[in-house]
C-alpha cells in the first residue's frame, strides 16, 4: 500500500501491479487478467466502486455532451463491454456512432452481446486492436473516451499520441480513471477496502482473486492527477484539466485537439 506511484516520466510500461516486469511483457499479463474476468467484469465494477462507477460514467458522458447528429463519431477505447458506448449513444438520442475498441476479444464479445440485446447494434461497431496502434486514419473522430482502461495500457504516452492523431481538429479526449485519493481519512478507508476486501470479493464472484489484486495494485501505481494531466499535455492536447470524483477515488481528465 506504500508503493510509489509512477510519474509523468513513465514507469507503467514495466509495472504489472507492484511487480516489475520486462518492457513488452505487461500486455500479455493484462490480457490474461481480462480474459479471466470478462463475464463478471461489470458486476465486479459495482463491487469495487460500491456502485459509484455508474455515477462517474454518467458524469463523464454528461461532460462529453455528445451531439445529436448522425455524423458525430466517438472512439471508446478499452471499452469492450460497452458501458460508455451505450451511454453515449443514448445521450445522442441514438444518433451518434461509437466505435468500441479493445485489445481483448473476450471483453468485446460481452459488449456485442449486450448491444444486440439493447437494440443498439446499428450505432456501434466493435474493433479488436491495440490502443498503442489504432487502425484508423488521422482526424477520424470527434471524441476519444477511455474509462478505467488507460492504466492497463503499457505505453500510455504512445496511446495518448495515437488519441491525438485520430481526433479531428476541435476534438476532445476524456479519460476516466481511478486516481489519488485527496480526502483525509477516506484514503485510509479506501486502502483497507482495496487491499483487504476487493480481492476476496473477486474470488467469491469470479473464482479468481489474483486479477483483482493486480487491478487494485495498478491503481496505486498510476500517476496522480497532476502528473497524468502533464502526460496529456505532452501528447499535444490543449486546455487540459481534471475533476476529482468522490474525493479523488476517480478523476476525469479532459483535453482538446486545437
C-alpha atoms as a PDB file:
ATOM      1  CA  UNK A   1       0.000   0.000   0.000  1.00  0.00           C
ATOM      2  CA  UNK A   2       3.023   2.293   0.244  1.00  0.00           C
ATOM      3  CA  UNK A   3       4.290   1.626  -3.283  1.00  0.00           C
ATOM      4  CA  UNK A   4       5.297   4.831  -5.052  1.00  0.00           C
ATOM      5  CA  UNK A   5       3.207   5.980  -7.988  1.00  0.00           C
ATOM      6  CA  UNK A   6       4.742   6.252 -11.399  1.00  0.00           C
ATOM      7  CA  UNK A   7       5.158   9.795 -12.711  1.00  0.00           C
ATOM      8  CA  UNK A   8       4.706  11.828 -15.865  1.00  0.00           C
ATOM      9  CA  UNK A   9       8.088  10.445 -16.930  1.00  0.00           C
ATOM     10  CA  UNK A  10       6.660   6.945 -17.242  1.00  0.00           C
ATOM     11  CA  UNK A  11       7.026   3.613 -15.491  1.00  0.00           C
ATOM     12  CA  UNK A  12       3.667   1.927 -16.088  1.00  0.00           C
ATOM     13  CA  UNK A  13       5.109   0.038 -19.066  1.00  0.00           C
ATOM     14  CA  UNK A  14       7.144  -2.171 -16.704  1.00  0.00           C
ATOM     15  CA  UNK A  15       4.691  -2.191 -13.796  1.00  0.00           C
ATOM     16  CA  UNK A  16       2.330  -5.147 -13.504  1.00  0.00           C
ATOM     17  CA  UNK A  17       0.712  -4.023 -10.285  1.00  0.00           C
ATOM     18  CA  UNK A  18       3.525  -3.906  -7.755  1.00  0.00           C
ATOM     19  CA  UNK A  19       5.630  -6.365  -9.766  1.00  0.00           C
ATOM     20  CA  UNK A  20       8.334  -5.117 -12.092  1.00  0.00           C
ATOM     21  CA  UNK A  21       8.264  -6.889 -15.467  1.00  0.00           C
ATOM     22  CA  UNK A  22      10.191  -6.552 -18.689  1.00  0.00           C
ATOM     23  CA  UNK A  23       9.100  -3.997 -21.251  1.00  0.00           C
ATOM     24  CA  UNK A  24       6.890  -5.962 -23.645  1.00  0.00           C
ATOM     25  CA  UNK A  25       5.768  -8.474 -21.013  1.00  0.00           C
ATOM     26  CA  UNK A  26       2.932  -6.494 -19.414  1.00  0.00           C
ATOM     27  CA  UNK A  27       0.432  -6.641 -22.277  1.00  0.00           C
ATOM     28  CA  UNK A  28       0.193 -10.425 -22.257  1.00  0.00           C
ATOM     29  CA  UNK A  29      -0.284 -10.492 -18.492  1.00  0.00           C
ATOM     30  CA  UNK A  30      -3.021  -7.866 -18.649  1.00  0.00           C
ATOM     31  CA  UNK A  31      -4.756  -9.707 -21.493  1.00  0.00           C
ATOM     32  CA  UNK A  32      -4.921 -12.830 -19.357  1.00  0.00           C
ATOM     33  CA  UNK A  33      -6.494 -10.859 -16.499  1.00  0.00           C
ATOM     34  CA  UNK A  34      -9.339  -9.637 -18.690  1.00  0.00           C
ATOM     35  CA  UNK A  35      -9.936 -12.997 -20.359  1.00  0.00           C
ATOM     36  CA  UNK A  36     -10.494 -14.350 -16.843  1.00  0.00           C
ATOM     37  CA  UNK A  37     -12.847 -11.645 -15.628  1.00  0.00           C
ATOM     38  CA  UNK A  38     -14.748 -10.612 -18.784  1.00  0.00           C
ATOM     39  CA  UNK A  39     -18.057 -12.308 -17.964  1.00  0.00           C
ATOM     40  CA  UNK A  40     -18.228 -10.808 -14.472  1.00  0.00           C
ATOM     41  CA  UNK A  41     -16.376  -7.554 -15.197  1.00  0.00           C
ATOM     42  CA  UNK A  42     -19.371  -5.235 -14.811  1.00  0.00           C
ATOM     43  CA  UNK A  43     -20.549  -6.960 -11.623  1.00  0.00           C
ATOM     44  CA  UNK A  44     -17.096  -6.503 -10.119  1.00  0.00           C
ATOM     45  CA  UNK A  45     -17.072  -2.841 -11.130  1.00  0.00           C
ATOM     46  CA  UNK A  46     -20.131  -2.441  -8.903  1.00  0.00           C
ATOM     47  CA  UNK A  47     -18.325  -4.219  -6.070  1.00  0.00           C
ATOM     48  CA  UNK A  48     -15.010  -2.357  -6.478  1.00  0.00           C
ATOM     49  CA  UNK A  49     -16.646   1.070  -6.526  1.00  0.00           C
ATOM     50  CA  UNK A  50     -19.723   0.336  -4.366  1.00  0.00           C
ATOM     51  CA  UNK A  51     -21.776   1.169  -7.456  1.00  0.00           C
ATOM     52  CA  UNK A  52     -20.228   4.613  -7.868  1.00  0.00           C
ATOM     53  CA  UNK A  53     -18.704   3.759 -11.251  1.00  0.00           C
ATOM     54  CA  UNK A  54     -22.189   4.175 -12.722  1.00  0.00           C
ATOM     55  CA  UNK A  55     -22.438   7.723 -11.370  1.00  0.00           C
ATOM     56  CA  UNK A  56     -18.916   8.571 -12.574  1.00  0.00           C
ATOM     57  CA  UNK A  57     -19.605   7.196 -16.065  1.00  0.00           C
ATOM     58  CA  UNK A  58     -22.847   9.158 -16.294  1.00  0.00           C
ATOM     59  CA  UNK A  59     -20.921  12.294 -15.300  1.00  0.00           C
ATOM     60  CA  UNK A  60     -18.288  11.546 -17.937  1.00  0.00           C
ATOM     61  CA  UNK A  61     -20.848  11.289 -20.731  1.00  0.00           C
ATOM     62  CA  UNK A  62     -22.647  14.400 -19.461  1.00  0.00           C
ATOM     63  CA  UNK A  63     -19.325  16.261 -19.630  1.00  0.00           C
ATOM     64  CA  UNK A  64     -18.820  14.994 -23.177  1.00  0.00           C
ATOM     65  CA  UNK A  65     -22.270  16.173 -24.258  1.00  0.00           C
ATOM     66  CA  UNK A  66     -22.411  14.145 -27.491  1.00  0.00           C
ATOM     67  CA  UNK A  67     -24.113  15.872 -30.398  1.00  0.00           C
ATOM     68  CA  UNK A  68     -27.467  14.523 -31.560  1.00  0.00           C
ATOM     69  CA  UNK A  69     -26.148  14.088 -35.069  1.00  0.00           C
ATOM     70  CA  UNK A  70     -25.569  11.050 -37.266  1.00  0.00           C
ATOM     71  CA  UNK A  71     -22.136  12.379 -38.293  1.00  0.00           C
ATOM     72  CA  UNK A  72     -20.891  12.529 -34.692  1.00  0.00           C
ATOM     73  CA  UNK A  73     -18.271   9.823 -34.225  1.00  0.00           C
ATOM     74  CA  UNK A  74     -16.684   8.718 -30.971  1.00  0.00           C
ATOM     75  CA  UNK A  75     -13.923   6.204 -30.346  1.00  0.00           C
ATOM     76  CA  UNK A  76     -14.276   4.430 -26.992  1.00  0.00           C
ATOM     77  CA  UNK A  77     -11.011   2.673 -26.175  1.00  0.00           C
ATOM     78  CA  UNK A  78     -10.700  -0.243 -23.749  1.00  0.00           C
ATOM     79  CA  UNK A  79     -14.495  -0.183 -23.685  1.00  0.00           C
ATOM     80  CA  UNK A  80     -15.148  -3.803 -24.573  1.00  0.00           C
ATOM     81  CA  UNK A  81     -18.294  -4.385 -22.515  1.00  0.00           C
ATOM     82  CA  UNK A  82     -19.914  -1.233 -23.904  1.00  0.00           C
ATOM     83  CA  UNK A  83     -20.691   0.700 -20.723  1.00  0.00           C
ATOM     84  CA  UNK A  84     -19.525   4.094 -22.026  1.00  0.00           C
ATOM     85  CA  UNK A  85     -20.536   3.480 -25.643  1.00  0.00           C
ATOM     86  CA  UNK A  86     -24.138   2.676 -24.723  1.00  0.00           C
ATOM     87  CA  UNK A  87     -24.371   5.839 -22.631  1.00  0.00           C
ATOM     88  CA  UNK A  88     -23.019   7.974 -25.486  1.00  0.00           C
ATOM     89  CA  UNK A  89     -25.478   6.519 -27.999  1.00  0.00           C
ATOM     90  CA  UNK A  90     -28.405   7.058 -25.628  1.00  0.00           C
ATOM     91  CA  UNK A  91     -27.288  10.626 -24.789  1.00  0.00           C
ATOM     92  CA  UNK A  92     -27.144  11.436 -28.507  1.00  0.00           C
ATOM     93  CA  UNK A  93     -30.739  10.347 -28.997  1.00  0.00           C
ATOM     94  CA  UNK A  94     -29.443   7.220 -30.751  1.00  0.00           C
ATOM     95  CA  UNK A  95     -27.885   9.353 -33.482  1.00  0.00           C
ATOM     96  CA  UNK A  96     -24.158   9.157 -32.754  1.00  0.00           C
ATOM     97  CA  UNK A  97     -21.925   6.331 -33.888  1.00  0.00           C
ATOM     98  CA  UNK A  98     -19.437   4.817 -31.454  1.00  0.00           C
ATOM     99  CA  UNK A  99     -16.526   2.568 -32.337  1.00  0.00           C
ATOM    100  CA  UNK A 100     -15.688   0.367 -29.363  1.00  0.00           C
ATOM    101  CA  UNK A 101     -12.051  -0.691 -29.420  1.00  0.00           C
ATOM    102  CA  UNK A 102     -10.488  -3.225 -27.080  1.00  0.00           C
ATOM    103  CA  UNK A 103      -7.408  -5.424 -27.277  1.00  0.00           C
ATOM    104  CA  UNK A 104      -9.305  -8.222 -25.530  1.00  0.00           C
ATOM    105  CA  UNK A 105     -11.708 -10.294 -27.618  1.00  0.00           C
ATOM    106  CA  UNK A 106     -13.468 -11.729 -24.560  1.00  0.00           C
ATOM    107  CA  UNK A 107     -14.443  -8.250 -23.393  1.00  0.00           C
ATOM    108  CA  UNK A 108     -15.647  -7.290 -26.889  1.00  0.00           C
ATOM    109  CA  UNK A 109     -17.773 -10.421 -27.058  1.00  0.00           C
ATOM    110  CA  UNK A 110     -19.605  -9.369 -23.909  1.00  0.00           C
ATOM    111  CA  UNK A 111     -20.166  -5.899 -25.367  1.00  0.00           C
ATOM    112  CA  UNK A 112     -21.508  -7.181 -28.673  1.00  0.00           C
ATOM    113  CA  UNK A 113     -23.997  -9.457 -26.876  1.00  0.00           C
ATOM    114  CA  UNK A 114     -25.177  -6.573 -24.704  1.00  0.00           C
ATOM    115  CA  UNK A 115     -25.512  -4.227 -27.709  1.00  0.00           C
ATOM    116  CA  UNK A 116     -27.706  -6.720 -29.537  1.00  0.00           C
ATOM    117  CA  UNK A 117     -29.970  -7.198 -26.510  1.00  0.00           C
ATOM    118  CA  UNK A 118     -30.305  -3.414 -26.120  1.00  0.00           C
ATOM    119  CA  UNK A 119     -31.075  -2.856 -29.808  1.00  0.00           C
ATOM    120  CA  UNK A 120     -28.059  -0.571 -30.270  1.00  0.00           C
ATOM    121  CA  UNK A 121     -26.012  -2.588 -32.751  1.00  0.00           C
ATOM    122  CA  UNK A 122     -26.670  -0.174 -35.634  1.00  0.00           C
ATOM    123  CA  UNK A 123     -24.964   2.646 -33.723  1.00  0.00           C
ATOM    124  CA  UNK A 124     -21.904   0.644 -32.756  1.00  0.00           C
ATOM    125  CA  UNK A 125     -19.044  -1.312 -34.169  1.00  0.00           C
ATOM    126  CA  UNK A 126     -16.550  -3.368 -32.211  1.00  0.00           C
ATOM    127  CA  UNK A 127     -12.884  -3.492 -33.156  1.00  0.00           C
ATOM    128  CA  UNK A 128     -10.180  -5.696 -31.641  1.00  0.00           C
ATOM    129  CA  UNK A 129      -6.981  -3.663 -31.715  1.00  0.00           C
ATOM    130  CA  UNK A 130      -4.241  -2.119 -29.595  1.00  0.00           C
ATOM    131  CA  UNK A 131      -4.628   1.394 -28.138  1.00  0.00           C
ATOM    132  CA  UNK A 132      -0.954   1.969 -28.956  1.00  0.00           C
ATOM    133  CA  UNK A 133      -1.542   1.392 -32.677  1.00  0.00           C
ATOM    134  CA  UNK A 134      -5.027   2.476 -33.695  1.00  0.00           C
ATOM    135  CA  UNK A 135      -6.211   1.123 -37.089  1.00  0.00           C
ATOM    136  CA  UNK A 136      -7.808   4.413 -38.135  1.00  0.00           C
ATOM    137  CA  UNK A 137      -6.867   7.342 -40.343  1.00  0.00           C
ATOM    138  CA  UNK A 138      -5.791  10.690 -38.963  1.00  0.00           C
ATOM    139  CA  UNK A 139      -8.583  13.114 -37.998  1.00  0.00           C
ATOM    140  CA  UNK A 140     -11.310  10.439 -37.911  1.00  0.00           C
ATOM    141  CA  UNK A 141     -13.212  11.079 -34.650  1.00  0.00           C
ATOM    142  CA  UNK A 142     -14.952  13.903 -32.828  1.00  0.00           C
ATOM    143  CA  UNK A 143     -14.193  12.429 -29.418  1.00  0.00           C
ATOM    144  CA  UNK A 144     -11.981   9.804 -27.777  1.00  0.00           C
ATOM    145  CA  UNK A 145     -13.084   8.266 -24.486  1.00  0.00           C
ATOM    146  CA  UNK A 146     -11.469   5.715 -22.227  1.00  0.00           C
ATOM    147  CA  UNK A 147     -12.825   4.691 -18.817  1.00  0.00           C
ATOM    148  CA  UNK A 148     -10.758   2.694 -16.328  1.00  0.00           C
ATOM    149  CA  UNK A 149      -8.549   1.397 -19.115  1.00  0.00           C
ATOM    150  CA  UNK A 150      -5.609   3.732 -19.598  1.00  0.00           C
ATOM    151  CA  UNK A 151      -3.678   2.358 -16.618  1.00  0.00           C
ATOM    152  CA  UNK A 152      -3.698  -1.096 -18.257  1.00  0.00           C
ATOM    153  CA  UNK A 153      -2.022   0.236 -21.412  1.00  0.00           C
ATOM    154  CA  UNK A 154       1.730  -0.421 -21.155  1.00  0.00           C
ATOM    155  CA  UNK A 155       2.937   2.655 -23.070  1.00  0.00           C
ATOM    156  CA  UNK A 156       0.494   5.344 -22.034  1.00  0.00           C
ATOM    157  CA  UNK A 157       2.421   8.095 -23.813  1.00  0.00           C
ATOM    158  CA  UNK A 158       2.099   6.219 -27.112  1.00  0.00           C
ATOM    159  CA  UNK A 159      -1.640   5.680 -26.605  1.00  0.00           C
ATOM    160  CA  UNK A 160      -2.167   9.387 -25.896  1.00  0.00           C
ATOM    161  CA  UNK A 161      -0.290  10.357 -29.059  1.00  0.00           C
ATOM    162  CA  UNK A 162      -2.465   7.930 -31.024  1.00  0.00           C
ATOM    163  CA  UNK A 163      -5.556   9.528 -29.473  1.00  0.00           C
ATOM    164  CA  UNK A 164      -4.346  12.931 -30.637  1.00  0.00           C
ATOM    165  CA  UNK A 165      -3.649  11.609 -34.143  1.00  0.00           C
ATOM    166  CA  UNK A 166      -7.097  10.117 -34.767  1.00  0.00           C
ATOM    167  CA  UNK A 167      -9.068  13.045 -33.354  1.00  0.00           C
ATOM    168  CA  UNK A 168     -10.339  15.771 -35.643  1.00  0.00           C
ATOM    169  CA  UNK A 169      -9.245  19.339 -35.066  1.00  0.00           C
ATOM    170  CA  UNK A 170     -11.520  20.555 -32.278  1.00  0.00           C
ATOM    171  CA  UNK A 171     -11.927  17.001 -30.985  1.00  0.00           C
ATOM    172  CA  UNK A 172     -11.817  16.107 -27.323  1.00  0.00           C
ATOM    173  CA  UNK A 173     -10.254  13.393 -25.178  1.00  0.00           C
ATOM    174  CA  UNK A 174     -11.905  12.308 -21.941  1.00  0.00           C
ATOM    175  CA  UNK A 175     -10.161   9.864 -19.613  1.00  0.00           C
ATOM    176  CA  UNK A 176     -11.909   8.478 -16.528  1.00  0.00           C
ATOM    177  CA  UNK A 177      -9.559   6.621 -14.229  1.00  0.00           C
ATOM    178  CA  UNK A 178      -9.084   5.631 -10.611  1.00  0.00           C
ATOM    179  CA  UNK A 179      -6.750   8.180  -9.114  1.00  0.00           C
ATOM    180  CA  UNK A 180      -5.056   9.524  -5.981  1.00  0.00           C
ATOM    181  CA  UNK A 181      -7.459   9.970  -3.061  1.00  0.00           C
ATOM    182  CA  UNK A 182      -7.016  13.500  -1.733  1.00  0.00           C
ATOM    183  CA  UNK A 183      -9.562  13.448   1.103  1.00  0.00           C
ATOM    184  CA  UNK A 184      -8.140  12.754   4.595  1.00  0.00           C
ATOM    185  CA  UNK A 185      -9.455   9.581   6.274  1.00  0.00           C
ATOM    186  CA  UNK A 186     -11.129   8.449   3.040  1.00  0.00           C
ATOM    187  CA  UNK A 187      -7.693   7.414   1.766  1.00  0.00           C
ATOM    188  CA  UNK A 188      -7.154   5.116   4.751  1.00  0.00           C
ATOM    189  CA  UNK A 189     -10.580   3.504   4.394  1.00  0.00           C
ATOM    190  CA  UNK A 190     -10.098   3.116   0.645  1.00  0.00           C
ATOM    191  CA  UNK A 191      -6.762   1.361   1.130  1.00  0.00           C
ATOM    192  CA  UNK A 192      -8.326  -1.148   3.508  1.00  0.00           C
ATOM    193  CA  UNK A 193     -11.263  -1.732   1.154  1.00  0.00           C
ATOM    194  CA  UNK A 194      -8.996  -2.144  -1.865  1.00  0.00           C
ATOM    195  CA  UNK A 195      -6.382  -4.489  -0.499  1.00  0.00           C
ATOM    196  CA  UNK A 196      -8.392  -6.485   2.033  1.00  0.00           C
ATOM    197  CA  UNK A 197     -11.882  -6.728   0.556  1.00  0.00           C
ATOM    198  CA  UNK A 198     -11.768  -6.421  -3.234  1.00  0.00           C
ATOM    199  CA  UNK A 199      -9.547  -9.468  -3.987  1.00  0.00           C
ATOM    200  CA  UNK A 200     -11.731 -11.582  -1.697  1.00  0.00           C
ATOM    201  CA  UNK A 201     -14.922 -10.384  -3.370  1.00  0.00           C
ATOM    202  CA  UNK A 202     -13.273 -11.100  -6.715  1.00  0.00           C
ATOM    203  CA  UNK A 203     -12.524 -14.646  -5.680  1.00  0.00           C
ATOM    204  CA  UNK A 204     -16.071 -15.180  -4.419  1.00  0.00           C
ATOM    205  CA  UNK A 205     -17.754 -13.741  -7.518  1.00  0.00           C
ATOM    206  CA  UNK A 206     -15.400 -14.782 -10.329  1.00  0.00           C
ATOM    207  CA  UNK A 207     -13.400 -17.573  -8.717  1.00  0.00           C
ATOM    208  CA  UNK A 208     -10.246 -15.513  -9.231  1.00  0.00           C
ATOM    209  CA  UNK A 209      -8.521 -13.291  -6.643  1.00  0.00           C
ATOM    210  CA  UNK A 210      -5.238 -12.594  -8.467  1.00  0.00           C
ATOM    211  CA  UNK A 211      -6.717 -10.438 -11.255  1.00  0.00           C
ATOM    212  CA  UNK A 212      -8.240  -8.126  -8.670  1.00  0.00           C
ATOM    213  CA  UNK A 213      -5.025  -7.975  -6.692  1.00  0.00           C
ATOM    214  CA  UNK A 214      -3.413  -6.717  -9.903  1.00  0.00           C
ATOM    215  CA  UNK A 215      -6.207  -4.213 -10.539  1.00  0.00           C
ATOM    216  CA  UNK A 216      -6.011  -2.598  -7.092  1.00  0.00           C
ATOM    217  CA  UNK A 217      -2.209  -2.505  -7.273  1.00  0.00           C
ATOM    218  CA  UNK A 218      -2.316  -0.935 -10.727  1.00  0.00           C
ATOM    219  CA  UNK A 219      -4.499   1.865  -9.330  1.00  0.00           C
ATOM    220  CA  UNK A 220      -1.820   2.697  -6.767  1.00  0.00           C
ATOM    221  CA  UNK A 221       0.924   2.739  -9.405  1.00  0.00           C
ATOM    222  CA  UNK A 222      -0.925   5.035 -11.842  1.00  0.00           C
ATOM    223  CA  UNK A 223       0.326   8.644 -11.960  1.00  0.00           C
ATOM    224  CA  UNK A 224      -1.534  11.135  -9.783  1.00  0.00           C
ATOM    225  CA  UNK A 225      -3.914  13.677 -11.268  1.00  0.00           C
ATOM    226  CA  UNK A 226      -1.342  16.368 -11.987  1.00  0.00           C
ATOM    227  CA  UNK A 227       1.245  14.015 -13.441  1.00  0.00           C
ATOM    228  CA  UNK A 228      -1.320  12.410 -15.726  1.00  0.00           C
ATOM    229  CA  UNK A 229      -2.554  15.839 -16.846  1.00  0.00           C
ATOM    230  CA  UNK A 230       1.076  16.627 -17.743  1.00  0.00           C
ATOM    231  CA  UNK A 231       1.219  13.479 -19.880  1.00  0.00           C
ATOM    232  CA  UNK A 232      -1.921  14.514 -21.774  1.00  0.00           C
ATOM    233  CA  UNK A 233      -0.443  17.964 -22.377  1.00  0.00           C
ATOM    234  CA  UNK A 234       2.836  16.448 -23.575  1.00  0.00           C
ATOM    235  CA  UNK A 235       0.881  14.406 -26.158  1.00  0.00           C
ATOM    236  CA  UNK A 236      -0.211  17.686 -27.759  1.00  0.00           C
ATOM    237  CA  UNK A 237      -3.571  18.415 -26.140  1.00  0.00           C
ATOM    238  CA  UNK A 238      -4.655  21.887 -25.047  1.00  0.00           C
ATOM    239  CA  UNK A 239      -6.856  23.166 -22.225  1.00  0.00           C
ATOM    240  CA  UNK A 240      -6.093  20.053 -20.183  1.00  0.00           C
ATOM    241  CA  UNK A 241      -7.836  19.838 -16.822  1.00  0.00           C
ATOM    242  CA  UNK A 242      -9.282  17.298 -14.425  1.00  0.00           C
ATOM    243  CA  UNK A 243     -12.151  16.932 -11.980  1.00  0.00           C
ATOM    244  CA  UNK A 244     -11.995  14.696  -8.929  1.00  0.00           C
ATOM    245  CA  UNK A 245     -14.894  12.378  -8.186  1.00  0.00           C
ATOM    246  CA  UNK A 246     -15.573  11.129  -4.641  1.00  0.00           C
ATOM    247  CA  UNK A 247     -12.519  12.730  -3.085  1.00  0.00           C
ATOM    248  CA  UNK A 248     -10.182  11.625  -5.851  1.00  0.00           C
ATOM    249  CA  UNK A 249     -11.042   7.910  -5.885  1.00  0.00           C
ATOM    250  CA  UNK A 250     -11.621   8.604  -9.567  1.00  0.00           C
ATOM    251  CA  UNK A 251     -10.762  11.585 -11.746  1.00  0.00           C
ATOM    252  CA  UNK A 252     -11.997  12.742 -15.129  1.00  0.00           C
ATOM    253  CA  UNK A 253      -9.276  14.249 -17.339  1.00  0.00           C
ATOM    254  CA  UNK A 254     -10.151  16.367 -20.360  1.00  0.00           C
ATOM    255  CA  UNK A 255      -8.148  17.822 -23.236  1.00  0.00           C
ATOM    256  CA  UNK A 256      -8.747  19.308 -26.692  1.00  0.00           C
ATOM    257  CA  UNK A 257      -7.021  18.987 -30.053  1.00  0.00           C
ATOM    258  CA  UNK A 258      -6.895  22.625 -31.112  1.00  0.00           C
END
